[in-house]
Amino acid sequence: IGREMEFGAGETFVALGAPMDRFLYLLEG
């Protein structure tokens, strides 16, 4: 039901006060 997403070092992927509308499972990093 999901897809892969990548984020670079130092990148914010959940902002303070943002809706928690995604489940994020860490594969690498």
PDB file of all heavy atoms in Angstrom:
ATOM      1  N   ILE A   1       0.822  -1.214   0.000  1.00  0.00           N
ATOM      2  CA  ILE A   1       0.000   0.000   0.000  1.00  0.00           C
ATOM      3  C   ILE A   1       0.861   1.270   0.000  1.00  0.00           C
ATOM      4  O   ILE A   1       0.323   2.385   0.013  1.00  0.00           O
ATOM      5  CB  ILE A   1      -0.933   0.038   1.229  1.00  0.00           C
ATOM      6  CG1 ILE A   1      -0.120   0.045   2.540  1.00  0.00           C
ATOM      7  CG2 ILE A   1      -1.912  -1.133   1.211  1.00  0.00           C
ATOM      8  CD1 ILE A   1      -0.939   0.320   3.781  1.00  0.00           C
ATOM      9  N   GLY A   2       2.166   1.112   0.033  1.00  0.00           N
ATOM     10  CA  GLY A   2       3.048   2.272   0.180  1.00  0.00           C
ATOM     11  C   GLY A   2       3.941   2.511  -1.013  1.00  0.00           C
ATOM     12  O   GLY A   2       3.792   1.914  -2.083  1.00  0.00           O
ATOM     13  N   ARG A   3       4.864   3.410  -0.810  1.00  0.00           N
ATOM     14  CA  ARG A   3       5.869   3.733  -1.830  1.00  0.00           C
ATOM     15  C   ARG A   3       7.131   4.164  -1.098  1.00  0.00           C
ATOM     16  O   ARG A   3       7.078   4.505   0.093  1.00  0.00           O
ATOM     17  CB  ARG A   3       5.399   4.844  -2.766  1.00  0.00           C
ATOM     18  CG  ARG A   3       5.323   6.247  -2.160  1.00  0.00           C
ATOM     19  CD  ARG A   3       3.970   6.535  -1.584  1.00  0.00           C
ATOM     20  NE  ARG A   3       3.858   7.906  -1.064  1.00  0.00           N
ATOM     21  CZ  ARG A   3       2.917   8.265  -0.211  1.00  0.00           C
ATOM     22  NH1 ARG A   3       2.040   7.385   0.247  1.00  0.00           N
ATOM     23  NH2 ARG A   3       2.848   9.515   0.199  1.00  0.00           N
ATOM     24  N   GLU A   4       8.246   4.167  -1.802  1.00  0.00           N
ATOM     25  CA  GLU A   4       9.501   4.590  -1.205  1.00  0.00           C
ATOM     26  C   GLU A   4       9.719   6.081  -1.432  1.00  0.00           C
ATOM     27  O   GLU A   4       9.355   6.626  -2.481  1.00  0.00           O
ATOM     28  CB  GLU A   4      10.668   3.786  -1.782  1.00  0.00           C
ATOM     29  CG  GLU A   4      10.673   2.329  -1.350  1.00  0.00           C
ATOM     30  CD  GLU A   4      11.969   1.624  -1.699  1.00  0.00           C
ATOM     31  OE1 GLU A   4      12.911   2.314  -2.162  1.00  0.00           O
ATOM     32  OE2 GLU A   4      12.056   0.394  -1.488  1.00  0.00           O
ATOM     33  N   MET A   5      10.296   6.731  -0.418  1.00  0.00           N
ATOM     34  CA  MET A   5      10.653   8.139  -0.514  1.00  0.00           C
ATOM     35  C   MET A   5      12.043   8.336   0.076  1.00  0.00           C
ATOM     36  O   MET A   5      12.422   7.645   1.039  1.00  0.00           O
ATOM     37  CB  MET A   5       9.633   9.021   0.221  1.00  0.00           C
ATOM     38  CG  MET A   5       8.236   9.008  -0.367  1.00  0.00           C
ATOM     39  SD  MET A   5       7.090  10.142   0.495  1.00  0.00           S
ATOM     40  CE  MET A   5       7.801  11.723   0.068  1.00  0.00           C
ATOM     41  N   GLU A   6      12.778   9.279  -0.483  1.00  0.00           N
ATOM     42  CA  GLU A   6      14.139   9.558  -0.015  1.00  0.00           C
ATOM     43  C   GLU A   6      14.242  10.994   0.484  1.00  0.00           C
ATOM     44  O   GLU A   6      13.604  11.904  -0.068  1.00  0.00           O
ATOM     45  CB  GLU A   6      15.155   9.301  -1.137  1.00  0.00           C
ATOM     46  CG  GLU A   6      15.215   7.853  -1.578  1.00  0.00           C
ATOM     47  CD  GLU A   6      16.275   7.628  -2.652  1.00  0.00           C
ATOM     48  OE1 GLU A   6      16.883   8.629  -3.110  1.00  0.00           O
ATOM     49  OE2 GLU A   6      16.493   6.455  -3.029  1.00  0.00           O
ATOM     50  N   PHE A   7      15.034  11.176   1.540  1.00  0.00           N
ATOM     51  CA  PHE A   7      15.270  12.503   2.115  1.00  0.00           C
ATOM     52  C   PHE A   7      16.773  12.650   2.346  1.00  0.00           C
ATOM     53  O   PHE A   7      17.429  11.730   2.865  1.00  0.00           O
ATOM     54  CB  PHE A   7      14.518  12.675   3.429  1.00  0.00           C
ATOM     55  CG  PHE A   7      13.023  12.516   3.301  1.00  0.00           C
ATOM     56  CD1 PHE A   7      12.420  11.282   3.535  1.00  0.00           C
ATOM     57  CD2 PHE A   7      12.232  13.586   2.918  1.00  0.00           C
ATOM     58  CE1 PHE A   7      11.054  11.128   3.412  1.00  0.00           C
ATOM     59  CE2 PHE A   7      10.860  13.439   2.796  1.00  0.00           C
ATOM     60  CZ  PHE A   7      10.273  12.208   3.035  1.00  0.00           C
ATOM     61  N   GLY A   8      17.299  13.811   1.984  1.00  0.00           N
ATOM     62  CA  GLY A   8      18.720  14.057   2.145  1.00  0.00           C
ATOM     63  C   GLY A   8      19.076  14.417   3.570  1.00  0.00           C
ATOM     64  O   GLY A   8      18.226  14.846   4.369  1.00  0.00           O
ATOM     65  N   ALA A   9      20.340  14.252   3.923  1.00  0.00           N
ATOM     66  CA  ALA A   9      20.826  14.584   5.263  1.00  0.00           C
ATOM     67  C   ALA A   9      20.476  16.035   5.601  1.00  0.00           C
ATOM     68  O   ALA A   9      20.686  16.943   4.800  1.00  0.00           O
ATOM     69  CB  ALA A   9      22.332  14.377   5.330  1.00  0.00           C
ATOM     70  N   GLY A  10      19.908  16.238   6.785  1.00  0.00           N
ATOM     71  CA  GLY A  10      19.517  17.569   7.235  1.00  0.00           C
ATOM     72  C   GLY A  10      18.120  17.980   6.796  1.00  0.00           C
ATOM     73  O   GLY A  10      17.613  19.019   7.244  1.00  0.00           O
ATOM     74  N   GLU A  11      17.469  17.175   5.972  1.00  0.00           N
ATOM     75  CA  GLU A  11      16.142  17.528   5.466  1.00  0.00           C
ATOM     76  C   GLU A  11      15.065  17.152   6.483  1.00  0.00           C
ATOM     77  O   GLU A  11      15.063  16.058   7.049  1.00  0.00           O
ATOM     78  CB  GLU A  11      15.874  16.819   4.143  1.00  0.00           C
ATOM     79  CG  GLU A  11      14.552  17.214   3.488  1.00  0.00           C
ATOM     80  CD  GLU A  11      14.371  16.559   2.125  1.00  0.00           C
ATOM     81  OE1 GLU A  11      15.306  15.878   1.650  1.00  0.00           O
ATOM     82  OE2 GLU A  11      13.279  16.714   1.543  1.00  0.00           O
ATOM     83  N   THR A  12      14.122  18.083   6.728  1.00  0.00           N
ATOM     84  CA  THR A  12      12.994  17.818   7.619  1.00  0.00           C
ATOM     85  C   THR A  12      11.908  17.087   6.848  1.00  0.00           C
ATOM     86  O   THR A  12      11.448  17.566   5.811  1.00  0.00           O
ATOM     87  CB  THR A  12      12.427  19.131   8.190  1.00  0.00           C
ATOM     88  OG1 THR A  12      13.438  19.765   8.993  1.00  0.00           O
ATOM     89  CG2 THR A  12      11.194  18.871   9.047  1.00  0.00           C
ATOM     90  N   PHE A  13      11.504  15.926   7.342  1.00  0.00           N
ATOM     91  CA  PHE A  13      10.461  15.172   6.650  1.00  0.00           C
ATOM     92  C   PHE A  13       9.146  15.141   7.434  1.00  0.00           C
ATOM     93  O   PHE A  13       8.121  14.724   6.915  1.00  0.00           O
ATOM     94  CB  PHE A  13      10.926  13.754   6.306  1.00  0.00           C
ATOM     95  CG  PHE A  13      11.382  12.927   7.476  1.00  0.00           C
ATOM     96  CD1 PHE A  13      10.492  12.162   8.200  1.00  0.00           C
ATOM     97  CD2 PHE A  13      12.728  12.897   7.835  1.00  0.00           C
ATOM     98  CE1 PHE A  13      10.901  11.394   9.261  1.00  0.00           C
ATOM     99  CE2 PHE A  13      13.162  12.128   8.909  1.00  0.00           C
ATOM    100  CZ  PHE A  13      12.245  11.374   9.632  1.00  0.00           C
ATOM    101  N   VAL A  14       9.154  15.603   8.682  1.00  0.00           N
ATOM    102  CA  VAL A  14       7.936  15.856   9.457  1.00  0.00           C
ATOM    103  C   VAL A  14       8.109  17.210  10.129  1.00  0.00           C
ATOM    104  O   VAL A  14       8.999  17.380  10.960  1.00  0.00           O
ATOM    105  CB  VAL A  14       7.678  14.768  10.523  1.00  0.00           C
ATOM    106  CG1 VAL A  14       6.443  15.138  11.349  1.00  0.00           C
ATOM    107  CG2 VAL A  14       7.488  13.396   9.885  1.00  0.00           C
ATOM    108  N   ALA A  15       7.281  18.171   9.772  1.00  0.00           N
ATOM    109  CA  ALA A  15       7.380  19.516  10.354  1.00  0.00           C
ATOM    110  C   ALA A  15       6.591  19.584  11.659  1.00  0.00           C
ATOM    111  O   ALA A  15       5.577  18.894  11.826  1.00  0.00           O
ATOM    112  CB  ALA A  15       6.859  20.553   9.366  1.00  0.00           C
ATOM    113  N   LEU A  16       7.057  20.398  12.593  1.00  0.00           N
ATOM    114  CA  LEU A  16       6.337  20.617  13.841  1.00  0.00           C
ATOM    115  C   LEU A  16       4.953  21.186  13.533  1.00  0.00           C
ATOM    116  O   LEU A  16       4.822  22.173  12.824  1.00  0.00           O
ATOM    117  CB  LEU A  16       7.120  21.584  14.732  1.00  0.00           C
ATOM    118  CG  LEU A  16       6.458  21.979  16.059  1.00  0.00           C
ATOM    119  CD1 LEU A  16       6.296  20.771  16.954  1.00  0.00           C
ATOM    120  CD2 LEU A  16       7.274  23.063  16.754  1.00  0.00           C
ATOM    121  N   GLY A  17       3.922  20.539  14.060  1.00  0.00           N
ATOM    122  CA  GLY A  17       2.555  21.012  13.842  1.00  0.00           C
ATOM    123  C   GLY A  17       1.929  20.576  12.538  1.00  0.00           C
ATOM    124  O   GLY A  17       0.797  20.958  12.237  1.00  0.00           O
ATOM    125  N   ALA A  18       2.632  19.747  11.752  1.00  0.00           N
ATOM    126  CA  ALA A  18       2.074  19.249  10.492  1.00  0.00           C
ATOM    127  C   ALA A  18       1.177  18.043  10.762  1.00  0.00           C
ATOM    128  O   ALA A  18       1.417  17.272  11.693  1.00  0.00           O
ATOM    129  CB  ALA A  18       3.192  18.864   9.533  1.00  0.00           C
ATOM    130  N   PRO A  19       0.133  17.840   9.951  1.00  0.00           N
ATOM    131  CA  PRO A  19      -0.728  16.663  10.140  1.00  0.00           C
ATOM    132  C   PRO A  19       0.074  15.371  10.019  1.00  0.00           C
ATOM    133  O   PRO A  19       0.916  15.226   9.130  1.00  0.00           O
ATOM    134  CB  PRO A  19      -1.749  16.786   9.001  1.00  0.00           C
ATOM    135  CG  PRO A  19      -1.752  18.232   8.636  1.00  0.00           C
ATOM    136  CD  PRO A  19      -0.348  18.710   8.856  1.00  0.00           C
ATOM    137  N   MET A  20      -0.201  14.445  10.905  1.00  0.00           N
ATOM    138  CA  MET A  20       0.478  13.151  10.859  1.00  0.00           C
ATOM    139  C   MET A  20      -0.324  12.221   9.958  1.00  0.00           C
ATOM    140  O   MET A  20      -1.091  11.375  10.424  1.00  0.00           O
ATOM    141  CB  MET A  20       0.643  12.586  12.270  1.00  0.00           C
ATOM    142  CG  MET A  20       1.507  13.457  13.156  1.00  0.00           C
ATOM    143  SD  MET A  20       1.964  12.657  14.709  1.00  0.00           S
ATOM    144  CE  MET A  20       3.002  11.335  14.119  1.00  0.00           C
ATOM    145  N   ASP A  21      -0.146  12.393   8.667  1.00  0.00           N
ATOM    146  CA  ASP A  21      -0.965  11.689   7.689  1.00  0.00           C
ATOM    147  C   ASP A  21      -0.196  10.602   6.945  1.00  0.00           C
ATOM    148  O   ASP A  21      -0.703  10.052   5.967  1.00  0.00           O
ATOM    149  CB  ASP A  21      -1.567  12.680   6.691  1.00  0.00           C
ATOM    150  CG  ASP A  21      -0.516  13.569   6.036  1.00  0.00           C
ATOM    151  OD1 ASP A  21       0.688  13.348   6.276  1.00  0.00           O
ATOM    152  OD2 ASP A  21      -0.901  14.497   5.311  1.00  0.00           O
ATOM    153  N   ARG A  22       1.034  10.280   7.423  1.00  0.00           N
ATOM    154  CA  ARG A  22       1.827   9.241   6.762  1.00  0.00           C
ATOM    155  C   ARG A  22       2.522   8.370   7.802  1.00  0.00           C
ATOM    156  O   ARG A  22       2.936   8.854   8.852  1.00  0.00           O
ATOM    157  CB  ARG A  22       2.890   9.856   5.849  1.00  0.00           C
ATOM    158  CG  ARG A  22       2.369  10.762   4.753  1.00  0.00           C
ATOM    159  CD  ARG A  22       3.504  11.300   3.892  1.00  0.00           C
ATOM    160  NE  ARG A  22       4.469  12.085   4.664  1.00  0.00           N
ATOM    161  CZ  ARG A  22       5.539  12.685   4.132  1.00  0.00           C
ATOM    162  NH1 ARG A  22       5.775  12.576   2.830  1.00  0.00           N
ATOM    163  NH2 ARG A  22       6.363  13.387   4.888  1.00  0.00           N
ATOM    164  N   PHE A  23       2.629   7.086   7.480  1.00  0.00           N
ATOM    165  CA  PHE A  23       3.422   6.167   8.292  1.00  0.00           C
ATOM    166  C   PHE A  23       4.771   6.016   7.604  1.00  0.00           C
ATOM    167  O   PHE A  23       4.843   5.688   6.412  1.00  0.00           O
ATOM    168  CB  PHE A  23       2.731   4.811   8.403  1.00  0.00           C
ATOM    169  CG  PHE A  23       3.481   3.810   9.241  1.00  0.00           C
ATOM    170  CD1 PHE A  23       3.381   3.835  10.621  1.00  0.00           C
ATOM    171  CD2 PHE A  23       4.284   2.843   8.647  1.00  0.00           C
ATOM    172  CE1 PHE A  23       4.077   2.921  11.403  1.00  0.00           C
ATOM    173  CE2 PHE A  23       4.979   1.922   9.414  1.00  0.00           C
ATOM    174  CZ  PHE A  23       4.871   1.964  10.804  1.00  0.00           C
ATOM    175  N   LEU A  24       5.850   6.272   8.349  1.00  0.00           N
ATOM    176  CA  LEU A  24       7.191   6.276   7.774  1.00  0.00           C
ATOM    177  C   LEU A  24       8.046   5.196   8.422  1.00  0.00           C
ATOM    178  O   LEU A  24       8.378   5.276   9.613  1.00  0.00           O
ATOM    179  CB  LEU A  24       7.843   7.646   7.964  1.00  0.00           C
ATOM    180  CG  LEU A  24       7.153   8.799   7.230  1.00  0.00           C
ATOM    181  CD1 LEU A  24       6.619   9.819   8.225  1.00  0.00           C
ATOM    182  CD2 LEU A  24       8.107   9.460   6.259  1.00  0.00           C
ATOM    183  N   TYR A  25       8.400   4.201   7.621  1.00  0.00           N
ATOM    184  CA  TYR A  25       9.226   3.085   8.079  1.00  0.00           C
ATOM    185  C   TYR A  25      10.602   3.236   7.445  1.00  0.00           C
ATOM    186  O   TYR A  25      10.741   3.295   6.217  1.00  0.00           O
ATOM    187  CB  TYR A  25       8.580   1.766   7.670  1.00  0.00           C
ATOM    188  CG  TYR A  25       9.373   0.533   8.044  1.00  0.00           C
ATOM    189  CD1 TYR A  25       9.247  -0.028   9.309  1.00  0.00           C
ATOM    190  CD2 TYR A  25      10.233  -0.066   7.134  1.00  0.00           C
ATOM    191  CE1 TYR A  25       9.981  -1.164   9.660  1.00  0.00           C
ATOM    192  CE2 TYR A  25      10.961  -1.200   7.467  1.00  0.00           C
ATOM    193  CZ  TYR A  25      10.827  -1.742   8.737  1.00  0.00           C
ATOM    194  OH  TYR A  25      11.546  -2.864   9.090  1.00  0.00           O
ATOM    195  N   LEU A  26      11.634   3.313   8.272  1.00  0.00           N
ATOM    196  CA  LEU A  26      12.981   3.598   7.788  1.00  0.00           C
ATOM    197  C   LEU A  26      13.656   2.327   7.232  1.00  0.00           C
ATOM    198  O   LEU A  26      13.823   1.338   7.949  1.00  0.00           O
ATOM    199  CB  LEU A  26      13.824   4.184   8.921  1.00  0.00           C
ATOM    200  CG  LEU A  26      15.226   4.685   8.564  1.00  0.00           C
ATOM    201  CD1 LEU A  26      15.176   5.733   7.454  1.00  0.00           C
ATOM    202  CD2 LEU A  26      15.911   5.265   9.804  1.00  0.00           C
ATOM    203  N   LEU A  27      14.007   2.385   5.959  1.00  0.00           N
ATOM    204  CA  LEU A  27      14.699   1.280   5.296  1.00  0.00           C
ATOM    205  C   LEU A  27      16.216   1.431   5.362  1.00  0.00           C
ATOM    206  O   LEU A  27      16.940   0.477   5.631  1.00  0.00           O
ATOM    207  CB  LEU A  27      14.252   1.180   3.831  1.00  0.00           C
ATOM    208  CG  LEU A  27      12.776   0.872   3.590  1.00  0.00           C
ATOM    209  CD1 LEU A  27      12.433   1.053   2.114  1.00  0.00           C
ATOM    210  CD2 LEU A  27      12.431  -0.542   4.051  1.00  0.00           C
ATOM    211  N   GLU A  28      16.687   2.657   5.100  1.00  0.00           N
ATOM    212  CA  GLU A  28      18.126   2.939   5.133  1.00  0.00           C
ATOM    213  C   GLU A  28      18.341   4.332   5.704  1.00  0.00           C
ATOM    214  O   GLU A  28      17.528   5.230   5.500  1.00  0.00           O
ATOM    215  CB  GLU A  28      18.737   2.879   3.725  1.00  0.00           C
ATOM    216  CG  GLU A  28      18.742   1.513   3.079  1.00  0.00           C
ATOM    217  CD  GLU A  28      19.354   1.553   1.685  1.00  0.00           C
ATOM    218  OE1 GLU A  28      19.788   2.645   1.256  1.00  0.00           O
ATOM    219  OE2 GLU A  28      19.396   0.503   1.020  1.00  0.00           O
ATOM    220  N   GLY A  29      19.459   4.510   6.415  1.00  0.00           N
ATOM    221  CA  GLY A  29      19.826   5.825   6.910  1.00  0.00           C
ATOM    222  C   GLY A  29      19.622   5.986   8.398  1.00  0.00           C
ATOM    223  O   GLY A  29      19.478   5.023   9.154  1.00  0.00           O
TER     224      GLY A  29
END
